[in-house]
C-alpha atoms as a PDB file:
ATOM      1  CA  MET A   1      12.653 -18.789  -6.228  1.00  0.00           C
ATOM      2  CA  LEU A   2      13.945 -15.218  -6.548  1.00  0.00           C
ATOM      3  CA  LYS A   3      10.742 -13.925  -4.998  1.00  0.00           C
ATOM      4  CA  GLN A   4      11.041 -16.285  -2.020  1.00  0.00           C
ATOM      5  CA  ALA A   5      14.671 -15.357  -1.488  1.00  0.00           C
ATOM      6  CA  SER A   6      13.818 -11.662  -1.545  1.00  0.00           C
ATOM      7  CA  ILE A   7      11.069 -12.129   1.026  1.00  0.00           C
ATOM      8  CA  ILE A   8      13.394 -14.052   3.348  1.00  0.00           C
ATOM      9  CA  PHE A   9      16.053 -11.351   2.975  1.00  0.00           C
ATOM     10  CA  PHE A  10      13.658  -8.561   3.906  1.00  0.00           C
ATOM     11  CA  LEU A  11      12.234 -10.597   6.791  1.00  0.00           C
ATOM     12  CA  LEU A  12      15.717 -10.885   8.223  1.00  0.00           C
ATOM     13  CA  ILE A  13      16.201  -7.138   7.949  1.00  0.00           C
ATOM     14  CA  LEU A  14      12.862  -6.392   9.582  1.00  0.00           C
ATOM     15  CA  THR A  15      13.404  -8.903  12.353  1.00  0.00           C
ATOM     16  CA  THR A  16      16.700  -7.229  13.201  1.00  0.00           C
ATOM     17  CA  THR A  17      15.006  -3.843  13.122  1.00  0.00           C
ATOM     18  CA  ALA A  18      12.247  -5.051  15.409  1.00  0.00           C
ATOM     19  CA  PHE A  19      14.748  -5.920  18.128  1.00  0.00           C
ATOM     20  CA  ALA A  20      16.538  -2.611  17.691  1.00  0.00           C
ATOM     21  CA  VAL A  21      13.450  -0.431  17.970  1.00  0.00           C
ATOM     22  CA  THR A  22      11.660   0.261  21.243  1.00  0.00           C
ATOM     23  CA  LEU A  23       8.008  -0.656  20.874  1.00  0.00           C
ATOM     24  CA  LYS A  24       6.629   2.290  22.817  1.00  0.00           C
ATOM     25  CA  GLU A  25       4.978   5.040  20.810  1.00  0.00           C
ATOM     26  CA  SER A  26       6.716   8.380  20.568  1.00  0.00           C
ATOM     27  CA  LYS A  27       6.425  11.633  18.678  1.00  0.00           C
ATOM     28  CA  GLU A  28       9.171  10.328  16.422  1.00  0.00           C
ATOM     29  CA  SER A  29       7.185   7.294  15.280  1.00  0.00           C
ATOM     30  CA  TYR A  30       3.784   8.821  14.540  1.00  0.00           C
ATOM     31  CA  LEU A  31       1.870  12.078  14.407  1.00  0.00           C
ATOM     32  CA  VAL A  32      -1.803  12.620  15.216  1.00  0.00           C
ATOM     33  CA  LEU A  33      -3.266  15.022  12.653  1.00  0.00           C
ATOM     34  CA  SER A  34      -5.731  17.180  14.578  1.00  0.00           C
ATOM     35  CA  GLU A  35      -7.290  18.550  11.388  1.00  0.00           C
ATOM     36  CA  LYS A  36      -8.226  15.058  10.190  1.00  0.00           C
ATOM     37  CA  LYS A  37     -11.181  13.032  11.479  1.00  0.00           C
ATOM     38  CA  ASN A  38     -10.479   9.781  13.308  1.00  0.00           C
ATOM     39  CA  THR A  39     -12.341   6.949  11.525  1.00  0.00           C
ATOM     40  CA  HIS A  40     -11.739   4.160  14.037  1.00  0.00           C
ATOM     41  CA  GLU A  41     -14.401   1.512  14.570  1.00  0.00           C
ATOM     42  CA  LYS A  42     -14.201  -0.611  17.694  1.00  0.00           C
ATOM     43  CA  GLY A  43     -12.340  -3.848  17.090  1.00  0.00           C
ATOM     44  CA  LYS A  44     -10.994  -2.878  13.673  1.00  0.00           C
ATOM     45  CA  VAL A  45      -8.072  -0.688  12.627  1.00  0.00           C
ATOM     46  CA  LYS A  46      -8.049   0.910   9.186  1.00  0.00           C
ATOM     47  CA  MET A  47      -4.677   1.342   7.528  1.00  0.00           C
ATOM     48  CA  THR A  48      -4.322   3.410   4.362  1.00  0.00           C
ATOM     49  CA  VAL A  49      -1.185   2.999   2.271  1.00  0.00           C
ATOM     50  CA  PHE A  50      -0.343   5.664  -0.295  1.00  0.00           C
ATOM     51  CA  PHE A  51       1.981   4.033  -2.819  1.00  0.00           C
ATOM     52  CA  ASP A  52       3.644   4.159  -6.214  1.00  0.00           C
ATOM     53  CA  PHE A  53       4.293   0.951  -8.156  1.00  0.00           C
ATOM     54  CA  PHE A  54       7.743   2.235  -9.134  1.00  0.00           C
ATOM     55  CA  CYS A  55       8.734   2.759  -5.503  1.00  0.00           C
ATOM     56  CA  PRO A  56      10.858  -0.244  -4.397  1.00  0.00           C
ATOM     57  CA  HIS A  57      10.148   0.573  -0.753  1.00  0.00           C
ATOM     58  CA  CYS A  58       6.425   0.246  -1.488  1.00  0.00           C
ATOM     59  CA  HIS A  59       7.036  -3.182  -2.944  1.00  0.00           C
ATOM     60  CA  GLN A  60       9.048  -4.244   0.113  1.00  0.00           C
ATOM     61  CA  PHE A  61       6.431  -2.789   2.449  1.00  0.00           C
ATOM     62  CA  ASP A  62       3.627  -4.627   0.661  1.00  0.00           C
ATOM     63  CA  THR A  63       5.494  -7.912   0.382  1.00  0.00           C
ATOM     64  CA  VAL A  64       6.773  -8.073   3.945  1.00  0.00           C
ATOM     65  CA  VAL A  65       5.272  -5.591   6.404  1.00  0.00           C
ATOM     66  CA  VAL A  66       1.653  -5.652   5.235  1.00  0.00           C
ATOM     67  CA  SER A  67       1.706  -9.438   4.820  1.00  0.00           C
ATOM     68  CA  ILE A  68       2.926  -9.945   8.384  1.00  0.00           C
ATOM     69  CA  LEU A  69       0.459  -7.418   9.806  1.00  0.00           C
ATOM     70  CA  GLN A  70      -2.423  -9.137   8.035  1.00  0.00           C
ATOM     71  CA  ARG A  71      -1.384 -12.485   9.480  1.00  0.00           C
ATOM     72  CA  GLU A  72      -0.961 -10.962  12.931  1.00  0.00           C
ATOM     73  CA  PHE A  73      -4.242  -9.038  13.118  1.00  0.00           C
ATOM     74  CA  GLY A  74      -6.476 -10.846  10.626  1.00  0.00           C
ATOM     75  CA  LYS A  75      -9.948  -9.321  10.348  1.00  0.00           C
ATOM     76  CA  LYS A  76      -9.046  -6.677  12.930  1.00  0.00           C
ATOM     77  CA  LEU A  77      -7.027  -4.858  10.269  1.00  0.00           C
ATOM     78  CA  LYS A  78      -8.395  -3.408   7.034  1.00  0.00           C
ATOM     79  CA  VAL A  79      -5.765  -2.264   4.537  1.00  0.00           C
ATOM     80  CA  THR A  80      -6.597   0.122   1.696  1.00  0.00           C
ATOM     81  CA  TYR A  81      -4.145   1.067  -1.042  1.00  0.00           C
ATOM     82  CA  ILE A  82      -4.386   4.452  -2.763  1.00  0.00           C
ATOM     83  CA  GLY A  83      -2.114   5.516  -5.585  1.00  0.00           C
ATOM     84  CA  PHE A  84       0.345   8.353  -4.998  1.00  0.00           C
ATOM     85  CA  PRO A  85       2.174   8.745  -8.335  1.00  0.00           C
ATOM     86  CA  ILE A  86       5.363  10.679  -7.593  1.00  0.00           C
ATOM     87  CA  ILE A  87       8.293   8.576  -8.867  1.00  0.00           C
ATOM     88  CA  TYR A  88       7.841   9.034 -12.615  1.00  0.00           C
ATOM     89  CA  GLU A  89       5.410  10.857 -14.870  1.00  0.00           C
ATOM     90  CA  ASP A  90       4.250   7.437 -16.106  1.00  0.00           C
ATOM     91  CA  SER A  91       3.548   6.257 -12.544  1.00  0.00           C
ATOM     92  CA  VAL A  92      -0.074   7.146 -13.195  1.00  0.00           C
ATOM     93  CA  ILE A  93      -0.538   4.386 -15.801  1.00  0.00           C
ATOM     94  CA  PRO A  94      -0.172   1.218 -13.655  1.00  0.00           C
ATOM     95  CA  LEU A  95      -2.238   2.922 -10.956  1.00  0.00           C
ATOM     96  CA  GLU A  96      -4.990   3.396 -13.535  1.00  0.00           C
ATOM     97  CA  ALA A  97      -4.814  -0.345 -14.215  1.00  0.00           C
ATOM     98  CA  PHE A  98      -5.056  -0.999 -10.470  1.00  0.00           C
ATOM     99  CA  GLU A  99      -8.187   1.166 -10.198  1.00  0.00           C
ATOM    100  CA  LEU A 100      -9.804  -0.516 -13.199  1.00  0.00           C
ATOM    101  CA  ALA A 101      -9.113  -3.959 -11.719  1.00  0.00           C
ATOM    102  CA  LYS A 102     -10.640  -2.853  -8.411  1.00  0.00           C
ATOM    103  CA  ASP A 103     -13.870  -2.138 -10.263  1.00  0.00           C
ATOM    104  CA  GLU A 104     -13.956  -5.801 -11.273  1.00  0.00           C
ATOM    105  CA  GLY A 105     -13.100  -7.055  -7.797  1.00  0.00           C
ATOM    106  CA  LYS A 106      -9.503  -7.944  -8.615  1.00  0.00           C
ATOM    107  CA  GLY A 107      -7.552  -4.981  -7.313  1.00  0.00           C
ATOM    108  CA  GLU A 108      -5.373  -7.053  -4.993  1.00  0.00           C
ATOM    109  CA  GLU A 109      -4.562  -9.551  -7.739  1.00  0.00           C
ATOM    110  CA  MET A 110      -3.627  -6.761 -10.137  1.00  0.00           C
ATOM    111  CA  LYS A 111      -1.501  -5.034  -7.507  1.00  0.00           C
ATOM    112  CA  GLN A 112       0.505  -8.190  -6.950  1.00  0.00           C
ATOM    113  CA  ALA A 113       0.742  -8.875 -10.690  1.00  0.00           C
ATOM    114  CA  ILE A 114       2.104  -5.380 -11.423  1.00  0.00           C
ATOM    115  CA  PHE A 115       4.619  -5.550  -8.572  1.00  0.00           C
ATOM    116  CA  ASP A 116       5.762  -8.971  -9.792  1.00  0.00           C
ATOM    117  CA  ALA A 117       6.062  -7.748 -13.379  1.00  0.00           C
ATOM    118  CA  ILE A 118       8.219  -4.784 -12.360  1.00  0.00           C
ATOM    119  CA  TYR A 119      10.455  -6.301  -9.678  1.00  0.00           C
ATOM    120  CA  TYR A 120      10.731  -9.995 -10.588  1.00  0.00           C
ATOM    121  CA  GLN A 121      10.083 -10.142 -14.319  1.00  0.00           C
ATOM    122  CA  ARG A 122      11.819  -6.796 -14.987  1.00  0.00           C
ATOM    123  CA  LYS A 123       9.039  -5.580 -17.244  1.00  0.00           C
ATOM    124  CA  ASP A 124       7.938  -2.003 -17.869  1.00  0.00           C
ATOM    125  CA  GLY A 125       4.994  -1.482 -15.537  1.00  0.00           C
ATOM    126  CA  ALA A 126       3.879   1.583 -17.488  1.00  0.00           C
ATOM    127  CA  ASN A 127       3.677  -0.282 -20.782  1.00  0.00           C
ATOM    128  CA  ARG A 128       0.023  -0.697 -21.661  1.00  0.00           C
ATOM    129  CA  ASP A 129       0.647  -3.941 -23.557  1.00  0.00           C
ATOM    130  CA  VAL A 130       2.221  -5.404 -20.413  1.00  0.00           C
ATOM    131  CA  LEU A 131      -0.751  -4.280 -18.337  1.00  0.00           C
ATOM    132  CA  LEU A 132      -3.251  -5.624 -20.855  1.00  0.00           C
ATOM    133  CA  SER A 133      -1.448  -8.956 -20.764  1.00  0.00           C
ATOM    134  CA  LEU A 134      -1.694  -9.020 -16.973  1.00  0.00           C
ATOM    135  CA  ALA A 135      -5.386  -8.185 -17.198  1.00  0.00           C
ATOM    136  CA  LYS A 136      -5.932 -11.072 -19.602  1.00  0.00           C
ATOM    137  CA  SER A 137      -4.152 -13.476 -17.258  1.00  0.00           C
ATOM    138  CA  LEU A 138      -6.461 -12.344 -14.446  1.00  0.00           C
ATOM    139  CA  GLY A 139      -9.562 -12.784 -16.577  1.00  0.00           C
ATOM    140  CA  LEU A 140     -10.534  -9.122 -16.636  1.00  0.00           C
ATOM    141  CA  SER A 141     -13.128  -7.958 -19.117  1.00  0.00           C
ATOM    142  CA  GLU A 142     -13.019  -5.862 -22.259  1.00  0.00           C
ATOM    143  CA  LYS A 143     -14.134  -2.974 -20.053  1.00  0.00           C
ATOM    144  CA  PHE A 144     -10.655  -2.978 -18.519  1.00  0.00           C
ATOM    145  CA  ASN A 145      -9.007  -2.819 -21.951  1.00  0.00           C
ATOM    146  CA  LYS A 146     -11.158   0.105 -23.051  1.00  0.00           C
ATOM    147  CA  GLY A 147     -10.684   1.914 -19.757  1.00  0.00           C
ATOM    148  CA  LEU A 148      -6.904   1.625 -19.857  1.00  0.00           C
ATOM    149  CA  THR A 149      -6.767   2.845 -23.453  1.00  0.00           C
ATOM    150  CA  SER A 150      -9.069   5.805 -22.796  1.00  0.00           C
ATOM    151  CA  GLY A 151      -7.438   6.854 -19.519  1.00  0.00           C
ATOM    152  CA  ILE A 152     -10.785   6.955 -17.774  1.00  0.00           C
ATOM    153  CA  LYS A 153      -9.203   6.374 -14.337  1.00  0.00           C
ATOM    154  CA  LYS A 154      -6.520   9.062 -14.580  1.00  0.00           C
ATOM    155  CA  LYS A 155      -8.719  11.540 -12.713  1.00  0.00           C
ATOM    156  CA  THR A 156      -9.264   9.021  -9.907  1.00  0.00           C
ATOM    157  CA  VAL A 157      -5.521   8.459  -9.567  1.00  0.00           C
ATOM    158  CA  LEU A 158      -4.774  12.192  -9.483  1.00  0.00           C
ATOM    159  CA  GLU A 159      -7.488  12.683  -6.855  1.00  0.00           C
ATOM    160  CA  GLY A 160      -5.712  10.042  -4.782  1.00  0.00           C
ATOM    161  CA  LYS A 161      -2.496  12.012  -5.160  1.00  0.00           C
ATOM    162  CA  ASP A 162      -4.199  15.154  -3.881  1.00  0.00           C
ATOM    163  CA  PHE A 163      -5.690  13.159  -1.010  1.00  0.00           C
ATOM    164  CA  ALA A 164      -2.229  11.933  -0.015  1.00  0.00           C
ATOM    165  CA  LYS A 165      -0.901  15.478  -0.072  1.00  0.00           C
ATOM    166  CA  SER A 166      -3.695  16.554   2.271  1.00  0.00           C
ATOM    167  CA  PHE A 167      -1.995  14.394   4.917  1.00  0.00           C
ATOM    168  CA  GLY A 168       1.326  16.079   4.242  1.00  0.00           C
ATOM    169  CA  ALA A 169       2.629  13.086   2.273  1.00  0.00           C
ATOM    170  CA  THR A 170       5.827  13.773   0.336  1.00  0.00           C
ATOM    171  CA  SER A 171       7.139  10.239  -0.177  1.00  0.00           C
ATOM    172  CA  THR A 172       6.007   6.650  -0.567  1.00  0.00           C
ATOM    173  CA  PRO A 173       4.880   4.590   1.132  1.00  0.00           C
ATOM    174  CA  THR A 174       2.944   6.945   3.385  1.00  0.00           C
ATOM    175  CA  VAL A 175       0.851   5.144   5.998  1.00  0.00           C
ATOM    176  CA  ILE A 176      -2.223   6.525   7.763  1.00  0.00           C
ATOM    177  CA  ILE A 177      -3.919   4.706  10.633  1.00  0.00           C
ATOM    178  CA  ASP A 178      -7.627   5.269  11.349  1.00  0.00           C
ATOM    179  CA  GLY A 179      -7.864   8.414   9.281  1.00  0.00           C
ATOM    180  CA  ASN A 180      -5.667  10.744  11.316  1.00  0.00           C
ATOM    181  CA  VAL A 181      -2.526   8.987  12.565  1.00  0.00           C
ATOM    182  CA  LEU A 182       0.422   9.616  10.252  1.00  0.00           C
ATOM    183  CA  ILE A 183       3.092   6.942  10.685  1.00  0.00           C
ATOM    184  CA  LYS A 184       6.560   8.503  10.545  1.00  0.00           C
ATOM    185  CA  ASP A 185       8.483   5.262  11.060  1.00  0.00           C
ATOM    186  CA  ASN A 186       7.286   2.527   8.679  1.00  0.00           C
ATOM    187  CA  THR A 187       8.984  -0.370  10.480  1.00  0.00           C
ATOM    188  CA  LEU A 188       6.963  -3.448  11.297  1.00  0.00           C
ATOM    189  CA  ALA A 189       7.638  -2.960  15.006  1.00  0.00           C
ATOM    190  CA  THR A 190       6.286   0.589  15.082  1.00  0.00           C
ATOM    191  CA  ILE A 191       3.118  -0.066  13.078  1.00  0.00           C
ATOM    192  CA  SER A 192       2.342  -3.265  14.990  1.00  0.00           C
ATOM    193  CA  SER A 193       2.776  -1.378  18.265  1.00  0.00           C
ATOM    194  CA  VAL A 194       0.452   1.437  17.192  1.00  0.00           C
ATOM    195  CA  ILE A 195      -2.234  -1.026  16.072  1.00  0.00           C
ATOM    196  CA  ASN A 196      -1.929  -3.084  19.256  1.00  0.00           C
ATOM    197  CA  ASN A 197      -2.265   0.029  21.416  1.00  0.00           C
ATOM    198  CA  ILE A 198      -5.435   1.071  19.573  1.00  0.00           C
ATOM    199  CA  LEU A 199      -6.977  -2.377  19.910  1.00  0.00           C
ATOM    200  CA  ASP A 200      -5.957  -2.597  23.574  1.00  0.00           C
ATOM    201  CA  LYS A 201      -7.846   0.638  24.252  1.00  0.00           C
ATOM    202  CA  ASP A 202     -10.909  -0.904  22.610  1.00  0.00           C
ATOM    203  CA  GLY A 203     -10.800  -3.662  25.201  1.00  0.00           C
ATOM    204  CA  LYS A 204     -10.855  -1.283  28.161  1.00  0.00           C
END
């Protein structure tokens, strides 16, 4: 019930924002990074989200903005999440769990489970016992348990952090479209407009 109420609340905020923001692109809403390669494939937009589980804005963005974009664009939008641990020193730990779950094909389920544990159940998302319990509920293997204990994915997470910094990222969430478009205004209206414009050009 709390989760549903939160979603409705943020939808109301975003709807109001959508009416207040002009949908045309501008230098204030995005930046094309000339040093980065554009990875666009006709008919599909790739959106990369650099995030930290302890960032409440990341949780809101995932729960509301990404959900609406996925409903709006369906298979024309591919969303990839990459950890950018900058909130706390322990931010690395739940991102390790996320990477381990991805290896077993349950990255999305683990992402949602960790967000829920932190923001709705008020649990410590960096507590390994909490994460192991989530893994058990998702049916993950003993390989996950060993990997979380050994820290085998820490290097992967830190590489993701360096990757985010290569785009000039200093905060979360940082959103990149098609490999070289840095979104500076993370509102639903702006991102939807950018995606629509890219797809419209595909149709020409």
